[in-house]
PDB file of N, CA and C in Angstrom:
ATOM      1  N   MET A   1       0.792  -1.181   0.064  1.00  0.00           N
ATOM      2  CA  MET A   1      -0.033   0.003   0.020  1.00  0.00           C
ATOM      3  C   MET A   1       0.828   1.265  -0.022  1.00  0.00           C
ATOM      4  N   PRO A   2       1.978   1.234   0.637  1.00  0.00           N
ATOM      5  CA  PRO A   2       2.810   2.515   0.673  1.00  0.00           C
ATOM      6  C   PRO A   2       3.348   2.936  -0.640  1.00  0.00           C
ATOM      7  N   ILE A   3       3.284   2.038  -1.653  1.00  0.00           N
ATOM      8  CA  ILE A   3       3.777   2.353  -2.887  1.00  0.00           C
ATOM      9  C   ILE A   3       2.915   3.278  -3.654  1.00  0.00           C
ATOM     10  N   PHE A   4       1.650   3.449  -3.261  1.00  0.00           N
ATOM     11  CA  PHE A   4       0.757   4.359  -3.855  1.00  0.00           C
ATOM     12  C   PHE A   4       1.101   5.836  -3.325  1.00  0.00           C
ATOM     13  N   PHE A   5       1.738   5.902  -2.189  1.00  0.00           N
ATOM     14  CA  PHE A   5       2.013   7.318  -1.740  1.00  0.00           C
ATOM     15  C   PHE A   5       3.320   7.877  -2.159  1.00  0.00           C
ATOM     16  N   ILE A   6       4.100   6.979  -2.768  1.00  0.00           N
ATOM     17  CA  ILE A   6       5.424   7.426  -3.283  1.00  0.00           C
ATOM     18  C   ILE A   6       5.337   8.624  -4.318  1.00  0.00           C
ATOM     19  N   PRO A   7       4.576   8.416  -5.288  1.00  0.00           N
ATOM     20  CA  PRO A   7       4.381   9.498  -6.345  1.00  0.00           C
ATOM     21  C   PRO A   7       3.844  10.849  -5.744  1.00  0.00           C
ATOM     22  N   VAL A   8       2.950  10.759  -4.839  1.00  0.00           N
ATOM     23  CA  VAL A   8       2.354  11.929  -4.134  1.00  0.00           C
ATOM     24  C   VAL A   8       3.443  12.557  -3.293  1.00  0.00           C
ATOM     25  N   THR A   9       4.249  11.830  -2.613  1.00  0.00           N
ATOM     26  CA  THR A   9       5.291  12.421  -1.814  1.00  0.00           C
ATOM     27  C   THR A   9       6.378  13.064  -2.591  1.00  0.00           C
ATOM     28  N   ILE A  10       6.707  12.472  -3.756  1.00  0.00           N
ATOM     29  CA  ILE A  10       7.745  13.140  -4.557  1.00  0.00           C
ATOM     30  C   ILE A  10       7.112  14.442  -5.290  1.00  0.00           C
ATOM     31  N   GLY A  11       5.813  14.372  -5.603  1.00  0.00           N
ATOM     32  CA  GLY A  11       5.147  15.580  -6.102  1.00  0.00           C
ATOM     33  C   GLY A  11       5.182  16.687  -5.086  1.00  0.00           C
ATOM     34  N   VAL A  12       4.908  16.499  -3.861  1.00  0.00           N
ATOM     35  CA  VAL A  12       4.927  17.391  -2.833  1.00  0.00           C
ATOM     36  C   VAL A  12       6.335  17.936  -2.616  1.00  0.00           C
ATOM     37  N   ILE A  13       7.303  17.091  -2.624  1.00  0.00           N
ATOM     38  CA  ILE A  13       8.700  17.596  -2.506  1.00  0.00           C
ATOM     39  C   ILE A  13       9.125  18.342  -3.655  1.00  0.00           C
ATOM     40  N   GLU A  14       8.710  18.045  -4.826  1.00  0.00           N
ATOM     41  CA  GLU A  14       9.171  18.793  -6.036  1.00  0.00           C
ATOM     42  C   GLU A  14       8.481  20.216  -6.048  1.00  0.00           C
ATOM     43  N   TYR A  15       7.286  20.378  -5.529  1.00  0.00           N
ATOM     44  CA  TYR A  15       6.581  21.687  -5.466  1.00  0.00           C
ATOM     45  C   TYR A  15       6.519  22.150  -4.000  1.00  0.00           C
ATOM     46  N   LEU A  16       7.424  21.982  -3.201  1.00  0.00           N
ATOM     47  CA  LEU A  16       7.424  22.454  -1.791  1.00  0.00           C
ATOM     48  C   LEU A  16       7.309  23.893  -1.721  1.00  0.00           C
ATOM     49  N   HIS A  17       8.022  24.654  -2.686  1.00  0.00           N
ATOM     50  CA  HIS A  17       7.800  26.082  -2.620  1.00  0.00           C
ATOM     51  C   HIS A  17       6.312  26.497  -3.022  1.00  0.00           C
ATOM     52  N   PHE A  18       5.602  25.696  -3.632  1.00  0.00           N
ATOM     53  CA  PHE A  18       4.238  26.076  -3.833  1.00  0.00           C
ATOM     54  C   PHE A  18       3.367  25.825  -2.631  1.00  0.00           C
ATOM     55  N   PHE A  19       3.620  24.801  -1.817  1.00  0.00           N
ATOM     56  CA  PHE A  19       2.857  24.471  -0.634  1.00  0.00           C
ATOM     57  C   PHE A  19       3.386  25.186   0.649  1.00  0.00           C
ATOM     58  N   ALA A  20       4.550  25.879   0.628  1.00  0.00           N
ATOM     59  CA  ALA A  20       5.053  26.617   1.726  1.00  0.00           C
ATOM     60  C   ALA A  20       4.053  27.675   2.183  1.00  0.00           C
ATOM     61  N   GLY A  21       3.793  27.704   3.437  1.00  0.00           N
ATOM     62  CA  GLY A  21       2.842  28.755   3.922  1.00  0.00           C
ATOM     63  C   GLY A  21       1.445  28.573   3.769  1.00  0.00           C
ATOM     64  N   LYS A  22       1.078  27.367   3.159  1.00  0.00           N
ATOM     65  CA  LYS A  22      -0.434  27.126   2.796  1.00  0.00           C
ATOM     66  C   LYS A  22      -0.824  25.939   3.537  1.00  0.00           C
ATOM     67  N   GLY A  23      -0.200  25.547   4.675  1.00  0.00           N
ATOM     68  CA  GLY A  23      -0.653  24.389   5.448  1.00  0.00           C
ATOM     69  C   GLY A  23      -1.910  24.505   6.046  1.00  0.00           C
ATOM     70  N   SER A  24      -2.158  25.825   6.539  1.00  0.00           N
ATOM     71  CA  SER A  24      -3.473  26.046   7.145  1.00  0.00           C
ATOM     72  C   SER A  24      -4.649  25.916   6.192  1.00  0.00           C
ATOM     73  N   LEU A  25      -4.383  26.146   4.926  1.00  0.00           N
ATOM     74  CA  LEU A  25      -5.424  25.927   3.830  1.00  0.00           C
ATOM     75  C   LEU A  25      -5.471  24.394   3.383  1.00  0.00           C
ATOM     76  N   MET A  26      -4.416  23.762   3.454  1.00  0.00           N
ATOM     77  CA  MET A  26      -4.379  22.355   2.915  1.00  0.00           C
ATOM     78  C   MET A  26      -5.066  21.516   3.959  1.00  0.00           C
ATOM     79  N   ILE A  27      -4.874  21.663   5.138  1.00  0.00           N
ATOM     80  CA  ILE A  27      -5.604  20.677   6.185  1.00  0.00           C
ATOM     81  C   ILE A  27      -7.074  20.716   5.986  1.00  0.00           C
ATOM     82  N   PRO A  28      -7.807  21.929   5.938  1.00  0.00           N
ATOM     83  CA  PRO A  28      -9.166  21.697   5.755  1.00  0.00           C
ATOM     84  C   PRO A  28      -9.617  21.089   4.393  1.00  0.00           C
ATOM     85  N   ILE A  29      -8.761  21.264   3.355  1.00  0.00           N
ATOM     86  CA  ILE A  29      -9.150  20.738   2.078  1.00  0.00           C
ATOM     87  C   ILE A  29      -8.947  19.211   2.146  1.00  0.00           C
ATOM     88  N   VAL A  30      -7.903  18.778   2.769  1.00  0.00           N
ATOM     89  CA  VAL A  30      -7.724  17.305   2.892  1.00  0.00           C
ATOM     90  C   VAL A  30      -8.855  16.660   3.730  1.00  0.00           C
ATOM     91  N   MET A  31      -9.101  17.382   4.814  1.00  0.00           N
ATOM     92  CA  MET A  31     -10.220  16.780   5.674  1.00  0.00           C
ATOM     93  C   MET A  31     -11.543  16.729   4.961  1.00  0.00           C
ATOM     94  N   ILE A  32     -11.870  17.821   4.157  1.00  0.00           N
ATOM     95  CA  ILE A  32     -13.258  17.918   3.473  1.00  0.00           C
ATOM     96  C   ILE A  32     -13.204  16.860   2.431  1.00  0.00           C
ATOM     97  N   SER A  33     -12.106  16.625   1.654  1.00  0.00           N
ATOM     98  CA  SER A  33     -12.111  15.615   0.593  1.00  0.00           C
ATOM     99  C   SER A  33     -12.141  14.253   1.295  1.00  0.00           C
ATOM    100  N   THR A  34     -11.577  13.993   2.358  1.00  0.00           N
ATOM    101  CA  THR A  34     -11.622  12.711   2.842  1.00  0.00           C
ATOM    102  C   THR A  34     -13.081  12.317   3.442  1.00  0.00           C
ATOM    103  N   ILE A  35     -13.725  13.238   3.960  1.00  0.00           N
ATOM    104  CA  ILE A  35     -15.071  13.050   4.424  1.00  0.00           C
ATOM    105  C   ILE A  35     -15.997  12.888   3.249  1.00  0.00           C
ATOM    106  N   CYS A  36     -15.771  13.585   2.041  1.00  0.00           N
ATOM    107  CA  CYS A  36     -16.582  13.365   0.912  1.00  0.00           C
ATOM    108  C   CYS A  36     -16.355  11.969   0.319  1.00  0.00           C
ATOM    109  N   VAL A  37     -15.218  11.513   0.330  1.00  0.00           N
ATOM    110  CA  VAL A  37     -14.900  10.181  -0.190  1.00  0.00           C
ATOM    111  C   VAL A  37     -15.545   9.087   0.701  1.00  0.00           C
ATOM    112  N   ILE A  38     -15.335   9.242   2.053  1.00  0.00           N
ATOM    113  CA  ILE A  38     -16.002   8.262   2.903  1.00  0.00           C
ATOM    114  C   ILE A  38     -17.677   8.411   2.720  1.00  0.00           C
ATOM    115  N   LEU A  39     -18.112   9.518   2.587  1.00  0.00           N
ATOM    116  CA  LEU A  39     -19.689   9.533   2.479  1.00  0.00           C
ATOM    117  C   LEU A  39     -20.111   8.938   1.152  1.00  0.00           C
ATOM    118  N   PHE A  40     -19.439   9.229   0.034  1.00  0.00           N
ATOM    119  CA  PHE A  40     -19.766   8.834  -1.252  1.00  0.00           C
ATOM    120  C   PHE A  40     -19.534   7.164  -1.226  1.00  0.00           C
ATOM    121  N   THR A  41     -18.511   6.709  -0.575  1.00  0.00           N
ATOM    122  CA  THR A  41     -18.311   5.227  -0.589  1.00  0.00           C
ATOM    123  C   THR A  41     -19.443   4.613   0.113  1.00  0.00           C
ATOM    124  N   GLY A  42     -19.866   5.188   1.298  1.00  0.00           N
ATOM    125  CA  GLY A  42     -20.923   4.626   2.052  1.00  0.00           C
ATOM    126  C   GLY A  42     -22.217   4.645   1.435  1.00  0.00           C
ATOM    127  N   ILE A  43     -22.601   5.623   0.592  1.00  0.00           N
ATOM    128  CA  ILE A  43     -23.833   5.859  -0.149  1.00  0.00           C
ATOM    129  C   ILE A  43     -23.838   4.741  -1.194  1.00  0.00           C
ATOM    130  N   ILE A  44     -22.781   4.623  -1.942  1.00  0.00           N
ATOM    131  CA  ILE A  44     -22.697   3.688  -3.055  1.00  0.00           C
ATOM    132  C   ILE A  44     -22.786   2.243  -2.518  1.00  0.00           C
ATOM    133  N   THR A  45     -22.023   1.992  -1.450  1.00  0.00           N
ATOM    134  CA  THR A  45     -22.074   0.535  -0.853  1.00  0.00           C
ATOM    135  C   THR A  45     -23.574   0.320  -0.376  1.00  0.00           C
ATOM    136  N   ASP A  46     -24.183   1.281   0.422  1.00  0.00           N
ATOM    137  CA  ASP A  46     -25.456   1.034   0.717  1.00  0.00           C
ATOM    138  C   ASP A  46     -26.419   0.833  -0.393  1.00  0.00           C
ATOM    139  N   TYR A  47     -26.240   1.519  -1.460  1.00  0.00           N
ATOM    140  CA  TYR A  47     -27.147   1.254  -2.602  1.00  0.00           C
ATOM    141  C   TYR A  47     -27.022  -0.053  -3.158  1.00  0.00           C
ATOM    142  N   TYR A  48     -25.871  -0.550  -3.365  1.00  0.00           N
ATOM    143  CA  TYR A  48     -25.576  -1.928  -3.918  1.00  0.00           C
ATOM    144  C   TYR A  48     -25.952  -2.956  -3.023  1.00  0.00           C
ATOM    145  N   LEU A  49     -25.778  -2.798  -1.718  1.00  0.00           N
ATOM    146  CA  LEU A  49     -26.266  -3.775  -0.617  1.00  0.00           C
ATOM    147  C   LEU A  49     -27.668  -3.858  -0.773  1.00  0.00           C
ATOM    148  N   LYS A  50     -28.517  -2.760  -0.809  1.00  0.00           N
ATOM    149  CA  LYS A  50     -29.989  -2.767  -0.860  1.00  0.00           C
ATOM    150  C   LYS A  50     -30.471  -3.418  -2.219  1.00  0.00           C
ATOM    151  N   LYS A  51     -29.755  -3.123  -3.286  1.00  0.00           N
ATOM    152  CA  LYS A  51     -30.145  -3.574  -4.558  1.00  0.00           C
ATOM    153  C   LYS A  51     -29.956  -5.156  -4.646  1.00  0.00           C
ATOM    154  N   GLU A  52     -28.863  -5.689  -3.977  1.00  0.00           N
ATOM    155  CA  GLU A  52     -28.601  -7.133  -3.887  1.00  0.00           C
ATOM    156  C   GLU A  52     -29.568  -7.791  -3.010  1.00  0.00           C
ATOM    157  N   ALA A  53     -30.027  -7.139  -1.908  1.00  0.00           N
ATOM    158  CA  ALA A  53     -30.867  -7.729  -1.053  1.00  0.00           C
ATOM    159  C   ALA A  53     -32.217  -7.816  -1.719  1.00  0.00           C
ATOM    160  N   GLN A  54     -32.594  -6.956  -2.555  1.00  0.00           N
ATOM    161  CA  GLN A  54     -33.842  -6.941  -3.227  1.00  0.00           C
ATOM    162  C   GLN A  54     -33.967  -8.040  -4.280  1.00  0.00           C
ATOM    163  N   GLN A  55     -32.879  -8.256  -4.931  1.00  0.00           N
ATOM    164  CA  GLN A  55     -32.747  -9.427  -5.949  1.00  0.00           C
ATOM    165  C   GLN A  55     -32.872 -10.799  -5.319  1.00  0.00           C
ATOM    166  N   HIS A  56     -32.452 -10.963  -3.992  1.00  0.00           N
ATOM    167  CA  HIS A  56     -32.527 -12.176  -3.412  1.00  0.00           C
ATOM    168  C   HIS A  56     -33.999 -12.490  -2.906  1.00  0.00           C
ATOM    169  N   ASP A  57     -34.805 -11.480  -2.714  1.00  0.00           N
ATOM    170  CA  ASP A  57     -36.175 -11.662  -2.153  1.00  0.00           C
ATOM    171  C   ASP A  57     -37.168 -12.154  -3.126  1.00  0.00           C
TER     172      ASP A  57
END
């Protein structure tokens, strides 16, 4: 799994000057995007589980 983070880490290191001083802006963006992914995944999973349960009835 860590191999997926290597390109991101290299990208951040390459553009460190771009991210300098913007940490306070990056933290909420990362948190909001993480919450969105969790919610979207939950909604889609719930949809497919309900659909599968209806097919078995």
